[in-house]
């Protein structure tokens, strides 16, 4: 009997997990494996080999302020060193225990004694009313998909605007990640199937997935009045040279036209196949599932990117640590 699901993000995750456990997502021998250890964002020296839990993180915040800031330095959220902007020769600054400071630590120039906040020049420099320890806890809540009101309840902060503010920063991070940091999929002799979708609110999305490794996927939100150039850019930005692209979407095929197909082939070494034999039932089911999901609510561009970011984070053992590494790469602290 066919089960009819009430489609939610949780159901989407559960269905994909069941599919993987039944080996429907099994990688072929020639397909590339992806894990958080060999990714751009995995394998931190602070990685214990298991996913961070709320309790584990809470225990890590019980150390002294100085030790906690040093841990943030090791994670790439706080600069490992700073040069004094007041001294002509840019004298090196040191971390100085400062009980009166919000985080209990400040940068101090050993020559002129100029002081700087340890957050200055970092991703969190505009978060001023709570400790760094609390910011990290909120970041954990967001990365583990805690609803905003649940995070608000657990943090029990006096200033109730801070959780929404940090959640919005994380939403913006999702956009920055897709624009600058996401790795290409595909490669020589790899098949990538592409599709185009539209949300009820009118957002257009082009997506691609490796036929034999459904963990390797990309999505790109297209401009409102998207053209052949926008489509070619989205494909070339996200699919590696030498990939064989399969596509059945007539809208995509027509907009690309012979000019777009020739451009992708000659400039990017991407071949396009629109024949019927390209169809993969599993990929078609994945696209249908995704289309149902995005049609169930009126996504804004930010909320849709956040949803896509969370799907991308599923390939990592620890979404929290992966997000920390992404922040350190997109927003490296000023030295």
C-alpha atoms as a PDB file:
ATOM      1  CA  UNK A   1       0.000   0.000   0.000  1.00  0.00           C
ATOM      2  CA  UNK A   2       1.364   3.405  -0.913  1.00  0.00           C
ATOM      3  CA  UNK A   3       1.798   5.761   2.039  1.00  0.00           C
ATOM      4  CA  UNK A   4       0.716   9.337   1.550  1.00  0.00           C
ATOM      5  CA  UNK A   5       2.905  11.709   3.550  1.00  0.00           C
ATOM      6  CA  UNK A   6       2.007  15.076   4.984  1.00  0.00           C
ATOM      7  CA  UNK A   7       5.129  16.737   3.648  1.00  0.00           C
ATOM      8  CA  UNK A   8       7.270  18.632   6.128  1.00  0.00           C
ATOM      9  CA  UNK A   9      11.004  19.175   6.462  1.00  0.00           C
ATOM     10  CA  UNK A  10      11.062  16.439   9.124  1.00  0.00           C
ATOM     11  CA  UNK A  11       9.288  13.976   6.805  1.00  0.00           C
ATOM     12  CA  UNK A  12      11.680  14.868   4.001  1.00  0.00           C
ATOM     13  CA  UNK A  13      14.651  14.065   6.242  1.00  0.00           C
ATOM     14  CA  UNK A  14      13.072  10.812   7.447  1.00  0.00           C
ATOM     15  CA  UNK A  15      12.250   9.618   3.941  1.00  0.00           C
ATOM     16  CA  UNK A  16      15.778  10.330   2.742  1.00  0.00           C
ATOM     17  CA  UNK A  17      17.216   8.536   5.789  1.00  0.00           C
ATOM     18  CA  UNK A  18      15.059   5.478   5.092  1.00  0.00           C
ATOM     19  CA  UNK A  19      16.086   5.563   1.449  1.00  0.00           C
ATOM     20  CA  UNK A  20      19.743   5.612   2.424  1.00  0.00           C
ATOM     21  CA  UNK A  21      19.331   2.788   4.965  1.00  0.00           C
ATOM     22  CA  UNK A  22      17.782   0.655   2.222  1.00  0.00           C
ATOM     23  CA  UNK A  23      20.923   1.352   0.132  1.00  0.00           C
ATOM     24  CA  UNK A  24      18.995   3.335  -2.481  1.00  0.00           C
ATOM     25  CA  UNK A  25      21.645   6.016  -2.038  1.00  0.00           C
ATOM     26  CA  UNK A  26      24.526   3.570  -2.317  1.00  0.00           C
ATOM     27  CA  UNK A  27      27.495   5.096  -4.114  1.00  0.00           C
ATOM     28  CA  UNK A  28      28.888   3.405  -7.196  1.00  0.00           C
ATOM     29  CA  UNK A  29      32.551   2.411  -7.092  1.00  0.00           C
ATOM     30  CA  UNK A  30      33.446   5.215  -9.490  1.00  0.00           C
ATOM     31  CA  UNK A  31      31.519   7.922  -7.661  1.00  0.00           C
ATOM     32  CA  UNK A  32      33.285  10.157  -5.191  1.00  0.00           C
ATOM     33  CA  UNK A  33      32.633   9.659  -1.523  1.00  0.00           C
ATOM     34  CA  UNK A  34      31.878  12.721   0.561  1.00  0.00           C
ATOM     35  CA  UNK A  35      32.306  12.933   4.293  1.00  0.00           C
ATOM     36  CA  UNK A  36      33.035  15.602   6.822  1.00  0.00           C
ATOM     37  CA  UNK A  37      36.582  14.319   7.297  1.00  0.00           C
ATOM     38  CA  UNK A  38      37.679  14.935   3.723  1.00  0.00           C
ATOM     39  CA  UNK A  39      35.530  18.002   3.170  1.00  0.00           C
ATOM     40  CA  UNK A  40      36.550  21.629   3.332  1.00  0.00           C
ATOM     41  CA  UNK A  41      34.852  22.002   6.701  1.00  0.00           C
ATOM     42  CA  UNK A  42      35.620  18.770   8.575  1.00  0.00           C
ATOM     43  CA  UNK A  43      38.422  17.251  10.570  1.00  0.00           C
ATOM     44  CA  UNK A  44      38.988  20.030  13.101  1.00  0.00           C
ATOM     45  CA  UNK A  45      41.558  19.381  15.811  1.00  0.00           C
ATOM     46  CA  UNK A  46      38.712  20.044  18.271  1.00  0.00           C
ATOM     47  CA  UNK A  47      36.530  17.399  16.622  1.00  0.00           C
ATOM     48  CA  UNK A  48      36.004  14.557  19.101  1.00  0.00           C
ATOM     49  CA  UNK A  49      34.773  12.139  16.454  1.00  0.00           C
ATOM     50  CA  UNK A  50      31.146  12.407  17.546  1.00  0.00           C
ATOM     51  CA  UNK A  51      28.417  14.947  16.890  1.00  0.00           C
ATOM     52  CA  UNK A  52      28.268  17.772  19.413  1.00  0.00           C
ATOM     53  CA  UNK A  53      25.303  17.583  21.775  1.00  0.00           C
ATOM     54  CA  UNK A  54      23.765  20.442  23.747  1.00  0.00           C
ATOM     55  CA  UNK A  55      25.074  18.911  26.962  1.00  0.00           C
ATOM     56  CA  UNK A  56      28.601  18.568  25.565  1.00  0.00           C
ATOM     57  CA  UNK A  57      28.594  22.203  24.482  1.00  0.00           C
ATOM     58  CA  UNK A  58      27.204  23.340  27.821  1.00  0.00           C
ATOM     59  CA  UNK A  59      30.054  21.555  29.591  1.00  0.00           C
ATOM     60  CA  UNK A  60      32.577  23.296  27.331  1.00  0.00           C
ATOM     61  CA  UNK A  61      31.203  26.687  28.425  1.00  0.00           C
ATOM     62  CA  UNK A  62      31.987  25.934  32.083  1.00  0.00           C
ATOM     63  CA  UNK A  63      35.698  26.640  31.594  1.00  0.00           C
ATOM     64  CA  UNK A  64      37.232  30.034  32.343  1.00  0.00           C
ATOM     65  CA  UNK A  65      36.529  32.924  29.983  1.00  0.00           C
ATOM     66  CA  UNK A  66      40.155  32.907  28.837  1.00  0.00           C
ATOM     67  CA  UNK A  67      40.054  29.186  27.991  1.00  0.00           C
ATOM     68  CA  UNK A  68      36.767  29.574  26.143  1.00  0.00           C
ATOM     69  CA  UNK A  69      38.075  32.432  24.003  1.00  0.00           C
ATOM     70  CA  UNK A  70      41.166  30.365  23.198  1.00  0.00           C
ATOM     71  CA  UNK A  71      38.830  27.577  22.042  1.00  0.00           C
ATOM     72  CA  UNK A  72      37.074  30.125  19.802  1.00  0.00           C
ATOM     73  CA  UNK A  73      40.487  31.093  18.428  1.00  0.00           C
ATOM     74  CA  UNK A  74      41.253  27.458  17.633  1.00  0.00           C
ATOM     75  CA  UNK A  75      37.895  27.212  15.841  1.00  0.00           C
ATOM     76  CA  UNK A  76      38.682  30.294  13.733  1.00  0.00           C
ATOM     77  CA  UNK A  77      35.931  32.525  15.152  1.00  0.00           C
ATOM     78  CA  UNK A  78      38.338  34.822  17.021  1.00  0.00           C
ATOM     79  CA  UNK A  79      41.688  36.041  15.667  1.00  0.00           C
ATOM     80  CA  UNK A  80      44.732  34.119  16.849  1.00  0.00           C
ATOM     81  CA  UNK A  81      46.591  37.419  17.173  1.00  0.00           C
ATOM     82  CA  UNK A  82      45.953  41.143  16.703  1.00  0.00           C
ATOM     83  CA  UNK A  83      48.159  44.105  15.868  1.00  0.00           C
ATOM     84  CA  UNK A  84      47.613  47.394  17.646  1.00  0.00           C
ATOM     85  CA  UNK A  85      46.075  50.015  15.374  1.00  0.00           C
ATOM     86  CA  UNK A  86      47.307  52.849  17.610  1.00  0.00           C
ATOM     87  CA  UNK A  87      51.009  51.984  17.467  1.00  0.00           C
ATOM     88  CA  UNK A  88      52.881  53.042  14.298  1.00  0.00           C
ATOM     89  CA  UNK A  89      54.703  49.721  14.135  1.00  0.00           C
ATOM     90  CA  UNK A  90      51.558  47.640  14.728  1.00  0.00           C
ATOM     91  CA  UNK A  91      52.685  46.112  18.003  1.00  0.00           C
ATOM     92  CA  UNK A  92      51.285  42.659  18.738  1.00  0.00           C
ATOM     93  CA  UNK A  93      48.461  42.543  21.268  1.00  0.00           C
ATOM     94  CA  UNK A  94      47.831  39.897  23.903  1.00  0.00           C
ATOM     95  CA  UNK A  95      44.695  38.425  25.454  1.00  0.00           C
ATOM     96  CA  UNK A  96      44.235  40.061  28.829  1.00  0.00           C
ATOM     97  CA  UNK A  97      41.830  38.883  31.532  1.00  0.00           C
ATOM     98  CA  UNK A  98      39.407  41.756  32.073  1.00  0.00           C
ATOM     99  CA  UNK A  99      36.578  40.949  34.514  1.00  0.00           C
ATOM    100  CA  UNK A 100      34.713  44.125  33.564  1.00  0.00           C
ATOM    101  CA  UNK A 101      34.587  43.118  29.878  1.00  0.00           C
ATOM    102  CA  UNK A 102      31.521  41.279  28.605  1.00  0.00           C
ATOM    103  CA  UNK A 103      33.541  38.199  27.674  1.00  0.00           C
ATOM    104  CA  UNK A 104      36.025  38.512  30.537  1.00  0.00           C
ATOM    105  CA  UNK A 105      38.902  38.958  28.063  1.00  0.00           C
ATOM    106  CA  UNK A 106      40.148  41.819  25.854  1.00  0.00           C
ATOM    107  CA  UNK A 107      43.010  42.464  23.465  1.00  0.00           C
ATOM    108  CA  UNK A 108      45.689  44.608  25.117  1.00  0.00           C
ATOM    109  CA  UNK A 109      48.675  46.274  23.480  1.00  0.00           C
ATOM    110  CA  UNK A 110      51.850  45.497  25.410  1.00  0.00           C
ATOM    111  CA  UNK A 111      53.325  48.870  24.402  1.00  0.00           C
ATOM    112  CA  UNK A 112      50.624  51.543  24.616  1.00  0.00           C
ATOM    113  CA  UNK A 113      48.052  49.505  26.575  1.00  0.00           C
ATOM    114  CA  UNK A 114      45.383  50.226  23.982  1.00  0.00           C
ATOM    115  CA  UNK A 115      42.468  47.805  24.349  1.00  0.00           C
ATOM    116  CA  UNK A 116      40.118  46.202  21.835  1.00  0.00           C
ATOM    117  CA  UNK A 117      37.110  43.942  22.167  1.00  0.00           C
ATOM    118  CA  UNK A 118      37.944  40.357  21.227  1.00  0.00           C
ATOM    119  CA  UNK A 119      34.918  40.461  18.880  1.00  0.00           C
ATOM    120  CA  UNK A 120      36.104  43.440  16.846  1.00  0.00           C
ATOM    121  CA  UNK A 121      36.631  42.393  13.238  1.00  0.00           C
ATOM    122  CA  UNK A 122      34.755  39.102  13.662  1.00  0.00           C
ATOM    123  CA  UNK A 123      31.428  37.702  12.457  1.00  0.00           C
ATOM    124  CA  UNK A 124      29.870  38.514  15.845  1.00  0.00           C
ATOM    125  CA  UNK A 125      31.200  42.053  16.314  1.00  0.00           C
ATOM    126  CA  UNK A 126      27.655  43.448  15.984  1.00  0.00           C
ATOM    127  CA  UNK A 127      26.294  41.234  18.795  1.00  0.00           C
ATOM    128  CA  UNK A 128      27.012  43.322  21.863  1.00  0.00           C
ATOM    129  CA  UNK A 129      24.678  42.472  24.738  1.00  0.00           C
ATOM    130  CA  UNK A 130      25.457  38.819  25.528  1.00  0.00           C
ATOM    131  CA  UNK A 131      28.579  36.785  26.198  1.00  0.00           C
ATOM    132  CA  UNK A 132      30.429  34.866  23.524  1.00  0.00           C
ATOM    133  CA  UNK A 133      29.437  31.691  25.344  1.00  0.00           C
ATOM    134  CA  UNK A 134      25.757  32.519  24.825  1.00  0.00           C
ATOM    135  CA  UNK A 135      26.327  33.365  21.162  1.00  0.00           C
ATOM    136  CA  UNK A 136      27.881  29.941  20.591  1.00  0.00           C
ATOM    137  CA  UNK A 137      24.934  28.252  22.317  1.00  0.00           C
ATOM    138  CA  UNK A 138      22.483  30.114  20.059  1.00  0.00           C
ATOM    139  CA  UNK A 139      24.562  29.206  17.010  1.00  0.00           C
ATOM    140  CA  UNK A 140      24.345  25.572  18.090  1.00  0.00           C
ATOM    141  CA  UNK A 141      20.548  25.824  18.414  1.00  0.00           C
ATOM    142  CA  UNK A 142      20.256  27.261  14.915  1.00  0.00           C
ATOM    143  CA  UNK A 143      22.608  24.710  13.352  1.00  0.00           C
ATOM    144  CA  UNK A 144      20.577  21.883  14.922  1.00  0.00           C
ATOM    145  CA  UNK A 145      17.345  23.407  13.576  1.00  0.00           C
ATOM    146  CA  UNK A 146      15.867  24.388  16.937  1.00  0.00           C
ATOM    147  CA  UNK A 147      12.799  26.589  16.356  1.00  0.00           C
ATOM    148  CA  UNK A 148      13.461  30.166  17.326  1.00  0.00           C
ATOM    149  CA  UNK A 149      10.964  30.090  20.204  1.00  0.00           C
ATOM    150  CA  UNK A 150      12.566  26.921  21.629  1.00  0.00           C
ATOM    151  CA  UNK A 151      16.017  28.520  21.527  1.00  0.00           C
ATOM    152  CA  UNK A 152      14.531  31.610  23.153  1.00  0.00           C
ATOM    153  CA  UNK A 153      13.108  29.465  25.946  1.00  0.00           C
ATOM    154  CA  UNK A 154      16.299  27.461  26.519  1.00  0.00           C
ATOM    155  CA  UNK A 155      18.582  30.506  26.550  1.00  0.00           C
ATOM    156  CA  UNK A 156      16.240  32.505  28.828  1.00  0.00           C
ATOM    157  CA  UNK A 157      17.847  35.818  27.876  1.00  0.00           C
ATOM    158  CA  UNK A 158      16.619  39.124  29.265  1.00  0.00           C
ATOM    159  CA  UNK A 159      16.970  40.818  25.869  1.00  0.00           C
ATOM    160  CA  UNK A 160      14.525  38.810  23.736  1.00  0.00           C
ATOM    161  CA  UNK A 161      15.607  40.390  20.431  1.00  0.00           C
ATOM    162  CA  UNK A 162      19.028  38.710  20.425  1.00  0.00           C
ATOM    163  CA  UNK A 163      17.982  35.192  19.420  1.00  0.00           C
ATOM    164  CA  UNK A 164      16.027  36.474  16.365  1.00  0.00           C
ATOM    165  CA  UNK A 165      18.969  38.742  15.497  1.00  0.00           C
ATOM    166  CA  UNK A 166      21.491  35.880  15.512  1.00  0.00           C
ATOM    167  CA  UNK A 167      19.078  33.594  13.648  1.00  0.00           C
ATOM    168  CA  UNK A 168      18.843  36.260  10.924  1.00  0.00           C
ATOM    169  CA  UNK A 169      22.637  36.435  10.755  1.00  0.00           C
ATOM    170  CA  UNK A 170      22.646  32.681  10.220  1.00  0.00           C
ATOM    171  CA  UNK A 171      20.065  33.020   7.438  1.00  0.00           C
ATOM    172  CA  UNK A 172      22.335  35.527   5.735  1.00  0.00           C
ATOM    173  CA  UNK A 173      25.212  33.079   6.180  1.00  0.00           C
ATOM    174  CA  UNK A 174      23.236  30.522   4.138  1.00  0.00           C
ATOM    175  CA  UNK A 175      23.085  32.940   1.209  1.00  0.00           C
ATOM    176  CA  UNK A 176      26.799  33.700   1.494  1.00  0.00           C
ATOM    177  CA  UNK A 177      27.583  29.993   1.603  1.00  0.00           C
ATOM    178  CA  UNK A 178      25.738  29.236  -1.635  1.00  0.00           C
ATOM    179  CA  UNK A 179      27.193  32.281  -3.365  1.00  0.00           C
ATOM    180  CA  UNK A 180      30.827  31.762  -2.423  1.00  0.00           C
ATOM    181  CA  UNK A 181      31.686  28.535  -0.642  1.00  0.00           C
ATOM    182  CA  UNK A 182      29.751  25.575  -1.972  1.00  0.00           C
ATOM    183  CA  UNK A 183      31.820  22.960  -3.784  1.00  0.00           C
ATOM    184  CA  UNK A 184      31.023  21.876  -7.329  1.00  0.00           C
ATOM    185  CA  UNK A 185      29.464  18.499  -8.008  1.00  0.00           C
ATOM    186  CA  UNK A 186      30.097  16.157 -10.916  1.00  0.00           C
ATOM    187  CA  UNK A 187      33.360  15.637 -12.757  1.00  0.00           C
ATOM    188  CA  UNK A 188      34.736  13.598 -15.672  1.00  0.00           C
ATOM    189  CA  UNK A 189      32.419  10.694 -16.556  1.00  0.00           C
ATOM    190  CA  UNK A 190      29.960  11.671 -13.791  1.00  0.00           C
ATOM    191  CA  UNK A 191      26.278  12.136 -14.666  1.00  0.00           C
ATOM    192  CA  UNK A 192      24.406  15.069 -13.118  1.00  0.00           C
ATOM    193  CA  UNK A 193      20.665  15.390 -13.619  1.00  0.00           C
ATOM    194  CA  UNK A 194      19.276  18.929 -13.492  1.00  0.00           C
ATOM    195  CA  UNK A 195      15.759  20.239 -12.928  1.00  0.00           C
ATOM    196  CA  UNK A 196      13.975  23.567 -12.544  1.00  0.00           C
ATOM    197  CA  UNK A 197      11.344  24.373  -9.908  1.00  0.00           C
ATOM    198  CA  UNK A 198       9.096  27.253  -8.944  1.00  0.00           C
ATOM    199  CA  UNK A 199       7.709  28.054  -5.489  1.00  0.00           C
ATOM    200  CA  UNK A 200       4.157  29.395  -4.980  1.00  0.00           C
ATOM    201  CA  UNK A 201       5.717  32.790  -4.290  1.00  0.00           C
ATOM    202  CA  UNK A 202       7.389  32.830  -7.705  1.00  0.00           C
ATOM    203  CA  UNK A 203      10.972  31.918  -6.794  1.00  0.00           C
ATOM    204  CA  UNK A 204      12.709  29.938  -9.539  1.00  0.00           C
ATOM    205  CA  UNK A 205      15.265  27.295  -8.563  1.00  0.00           C
ATOM    206  CA  UNK A 206      17.603  25.200 -10.663  1.00  0.00           C
ATOM    207  CA  UNK A 207      18.961  22.072  -9.008  1.00  0.00           C
ATOM    208  CA  UNK A 208      21.348  19.288  -9.883  1.00  0.00           C
ATOM    209  CA  UNK A 209      22.203  15.921  -8.353  1.00  0.00           C
ATOM    210  CA  UNK A 210      24.751  13.257  -9.212  1.00  0.00           C
ATOM    211  CA  UNK A 211      22.853  10.288 -10.615  1.00  0.00           C
ATOM    212  CA  UNK A 212      24.835   7.739  -8.619  1.00  0.00           C
ATOM    213  CA  UNK A 213      25.435   9.749  -5.454  1.00  0.00           C
ATOM    214  CA  UNK A 214      22.388  11.636  -4.237  1.00  0.00           C
ATOM    215  CA  UNK A 215      24.392  13.205  -1.414  1.00  0.00           C
ATOM    216  CA  UNK A 216      26.104  15.461  -3.974  1.00  0.00           C
ATOM    217  CA  UNK A 217      23.510  18.060  -4.896  1.00  0.00           C
ATOM    218  CA  UNK A 218      23.280  21.774  -5.635  1.00  0.00           C
ATOM    219  CA  UNK A 219      20.477  24.327  -5.789  1.00  0.00           C
ATOM    220  CA  UNK A 220      20.615  27.893  -7.073  1.00  0.00           C
ATOM    221  CA  UNK A 221      17.865  30.509  -6.846  1.00  0.00           C
ATOM    222  CA  UNK A 222      17.540  32.292 -10.175  1.00  0.00           C
ATOM    223  CA  UNK A 223      16.754  35.994 -10.672  1.00  0.00           C
ATOM    224  CA  UNK A 224      13.104  36.958 -11.105  1.00  0.00           C
ATOM    225  CA  UNK A 225      13.302  37.368 -14.889  1.00  0.00           C
ATOM    226  CA  UNK A 226      15.974  34.756 -15.492  1.00  0.00           C
ATOM    227  CA  UNK A 227      17.588  34.335 -18.869  1.00  0.00           C
ATOM    228  CA  UNK A 228      19.878  31.947 -20.715  1.00  0.00           C
ATOM    229  CA  UNK A 229      22.895  33.711 -19.208  1.00  0.00           C
ATOM    230  CA  UNK A 230      21.563  33.242 -15.656  1.00  0.00           C
ATOM    231  CA  UNK A 231      20.910  29.557 -16.304  1.00  0.00           C
ATOM    232  CA  UNK A 232      24.330  28.951 -17.877  1.00  0.00           C
ATOM    233  CA  UNK A 233      26.005  30.752 -14.972  1.00  0.00           C
ATOM    234  CA  UNK A 234      24.140  28.639 -12.409  1.00  0.00           C
ATOM    235  CA  UNK A 235      25.119  25.425 -14.186  1.00  0.00           C
ATOM    236  CA  UNK A 236      28.754  26.376 -14.792  1.00  0.00           C
ATOM    237  CA  UNK A 237      29.198  27.680 -11.232  1.00  0.00           C
ATOM    238  CA  UNK A 238      27.992  24.447  -9.647  1.00  0.00           C
ATOM    239  CA  UNK A 239      28.966  21.606 -11.998  1.00  0.00           C
ATOM    240  CA  UNK A 240      32.572  20.591 -12.622  1.00  0.00           C
ATOM    241  CA  UNK A 241      34.151  20.466 -16.068  1.00  0.00           C
ATOM    242  CA  UNK A 242      33.797  17.148 -17.886  1.00  0.00           C
ATOM    243  CA  UNK A 243      30.391  16.309 -16.408  1.00  0.00           C
ATOM    244  CA  UNK A 244      27.626  14.735 -18.490  1.00  0.00           C
ATOM    245  CA  UNK A 245      24.404  16.652 -17.805  1.00  0.00           C
ATOM    246  CA  UNK A 246      21.023  14.965 -18.209  1.00  0.00           C
ATOM    247  CA  UNK A 247      17.909  17.128 -18.438  1.00  0.00           C
ATOM    248  CA  UNK A 248      14.248  16.486 -19.320  1.00  0.00           C
ATOM    249  CA  UNK A 249      12.810  19.851 -18.317  1.00  0.00           C
ATOM    250  CA  UNK A 250      11.623  21.443 -21.543  1.00  0.00           C
ATOM    251  CA  UNK A 251      11.718  24.943 -20.067  1.00  0.00           C
ATOM    252  CA  UNK A 252      15.415  24.531 -19.282  1.00  0.00           C
ATOM    253  CA  UNK A 253      16.146  22.968 -22.674  1.00  0.00           C
ATOM    254  CA  UNK A 254      14.291  25.702 -24.578  1.00  0.00           C
ATOM    255  CA  UNK A 255      15.871  28.579 -22.658  1.00  0.00           C
ATOM    256  CA  UNK A 256      19.357  27.132 -23.098  1.00  0.00           C
ATOM    257  CA  UNK A 257      18.757  26.601 -26.801  1.00  0.00           C
ATOM    258  CA  UNK A 258      21.555  25.603 -29.134  1.00  0.00           C
ATOM    259  CA  UNK A 259      23.542  28.700 -28.146  1.00  0.00           C
ATOM    260  CA  UNK A 260      23.531  27.808 -24.447  1.00  0.00           C
ATOM    261  CA  UNK A 261      24.286  24.144 -25.078  1.00  0.00           C
ATOM    262  CA  UNK A 262      27.207  25.065 -27.340  1.00  0.00           C
ATOM    263  CA  UNK A 263      28.511  27.575 -24.786  1.00  0.00           C
ATOM    264  CA  UNK A 264      28.456  25.025 -21.945  1.00  0.00           C
ATOM    265  CA  UNK A 265      30.183  22.480 -24.155  1.00  0.00           C
ATOM    266  CA  UNK A 266      32.937  24.662 -25.614  1.00  0.00           C
ATOM    267  CA  UNK A 267      33.710  26.904 -22.656  1.00  0.00           C
ATOM    268  CA  UNK A 268      33.028  24.602 -19.695  1.00  0.00           C
ATOM    269  CA  UNK A 269      33.322  21.139 -21.248  1.00  0.00           C
ATOM    270  CA  UNK A 270      29.804  20.234 -20.096  1.00  0.00           C
ATOM    271  CA  UNK A 271      27.766  17.985 -22.394  1.00  0.00           C
ATOM    272  CA  UNK A 272      23.944  18.030 -22.313  1.00  0.00           C
ATOM    273  CA  UNK A 273      21.821  14.945 -23.025  1.00  0.00           C
ATOM    274  CA  UNK A 274      18.025  15.261 -23.219  1.00  0.00           C
ATOM    275  CA  UNK A 275      17.236  11.725 -24.416  1.00  0.00           C
ATOM    276  CA  UNK A 276      14.684   9.528 -22.634  1.00  0.00           C
ATOM    277  CA  UNK A 277      17.283   6.960 -21.598  1.00  0.00           C
ATOM    278  CA  UNK A 278      18.788   9.490 -19.205  1.00  0.00           C
ATOM    279  CA  UNK A 279      15.906   9.245 -16.748  1.00  0.00           C
ATOM    280  CA  UNK A 280      16.685   7.856 -13.285  1.00  0.00           C
ATOM    281  CA  UNK A 281      13.564   6.813 -11.305  1.00  0.00           C
ATOM    282  CA  UNK A 282      15.236   7.555  -7.978  1.00  0.00           C
ATOM    283  CA  UNK A 283      16.296  11.027  -9.079  1.00  0.00           C
ATOM    284  CA  UNK A 284      12.811  11.670 -10.480  1.00  0.00           C
ATOM    285  CA  UNK A 285      11.336  10.650  -7.118  1.00  0.00           C
ATOM    286  CA  UNK A 286      13.731  12.970  -5.304  1.00  0.00           C
ATOM    287  CA  UNK A 287      12.758  15.907  -7.512  1.00  0.00           C
ATOM    288  CA  UNK A 288       9.047  15.134  -7.015  1.00  0.00           C
ATOM    289  CA  UNK A 289       9.555  15.008  -3.263  1.00  0.00           C
ATOM    290  CA  UNK A 290      11.446  18.295  -3.275  1.00  0.00           C
ATOM    291  CA  UNK A 291       8.804  19.939  -5.456  1.00  0.00           C
ATOM    292  CA  UNK A 292       6.036  18.875  -3.068  1.00  0.00           C
ATOM    293  CA  UNK A 293       8.006  20.162  -0.116  1.00  0.00           C
ATOM    294  CA  UNK A 294       8.659  23.641  -1.501  1.00  0.00           C
ATOM    295  CA  UNK A 295       5.017  23.915  -2.614  1.00  0.00           C
ATOM    296  CA  UNK A 296       3.717  23.346   0.926  1.00  0.00           C
ATOM    297  CA  UNK A 297       4.712  26.776   2.168  1.00  0.00           C
ATOM    298  CA  UNK A 298       5.425  30.174   0.701  1.00  0.00           C
ATOM    299  CA  UNK A 299       9.194  30.350   1.068  1.00  0.00           C
ATOM    300  CA  UNK A 300      11.008  33.636   0.970  1.00  0.00           C
ATOM    301  CA  UNK A 301      14.435  33.601  -0.643  1.00  0.00           C
ATOM    302  CA  UNK A 302      16.111  33.605   2.787  1.00  0.00           C
ATOM    303  CA  UNK A 303      14.009  30.793   4.241  1.00  0.00           C
ATOM    304  CA  UNK A 304      14.443  28.686   1.109  1.00  0.00           C
ATOM    305  CA  UNK A 305      18.218  29.132   1.194  1.00  0.00           C
ATOM    306  CA  UNK A 306      18.159  28.148   4.856  1.00  0.00           C
ATOM    307  CA  UNK A 307      16.253  24.968   3.987  1.00  0.00           C
ATOM    308  CA  UNK A 308      18.710  24.153   1.187  1.00  0.00           C
ATOM    309  CA  UNK A 309      21.641  24.850   3.520  1.00  0.00           C
ATOM    310  CA  UNK A 310      20.281  22.380   6.055  1.00  0.00           C
ATOM    311  CA  UNK A 311      19.933  19.716   3.362  1.00  0.00           C
ATOM    312  CA  UNK A 312      23.543  20.360   2.383  1.00  0.00           C
ATOM    313  CA  UNK A 313      24.679  19.987   5.997  1.00  0.00           C
ATOM    314  CA  UNK A 314      23.270  16.453   6.114  1.00  0.00           C
ATOM    315  CA  UNK A 315      26.515  15.119   4.605  1.00  0.00           C
ATOM    316  CA  UNK A 316      28.425  16.252   7.694  1.00  0.00           C
ATOM    317  CA  UNK A 317      28.543  14.314  10.943  1.00  0.00           C
ATOM    318  CA  UNK A 318      28.276  17.521  12.973  1.00  0.00           C
ATOM    319  CA  UNK A 319      26.292  20.413  11.396  1.00  0.00           C
ATOM    320  CA  UNK A 320      27.313  22.691  14.270  1.00  0.00           C
ATOM    321  CA  UNK A 321      31.060  22.247  13.728  1.00  0.00           C
ATOM    322  CA  UNK A 322      30.536  22.471   9.964  1.00  0.00           C
ATOM    323  CA  UNK A 323      28.753  25.805  10.422  1.00  0.00           C
ATOM    324  CA  UNK A 324      31.546  27.092  12.678  1.00  0.00           C
ATOM    325  CA  UNK A 325      34.114  26.221   9.995  1.00  0.00           C
ATOM    326  CA  UNK A 326      32.000  27.899   7.316  1.00  0.00           C
ATOM    327  CA  UNK A 327      31.836  31.097   9.385  1.00  0.00           C
ATOM    328  CA  UNK A 328      35.610  31.038   9.851  1.00  0.00           C
ATOM    329  CA  UNK A 329      36.108  30.753   6.084  1.00  0.00           C
ATOM    330  CA  UNK A 330      33.545  33.272   4.892  1.00  0.00           C
ATOM    331  CA  UNK A 331      34.216  35.731   7.732  1.00  0.00           C
ATOM    332  CA  UNK A 332      37.811  35.160   8.864  1.00  0.00           C
ATOM    333  CA  UNK A 333      38.571  37.336  11.911  1.00  0.00           C
ATOM    334  CA  UNK A 334      40.653  40.438  11.358  1.00  0.00           C
ATOM    335  CA  UNK A 335      44.223  39.967  12.565  1.00  0.00           C
END
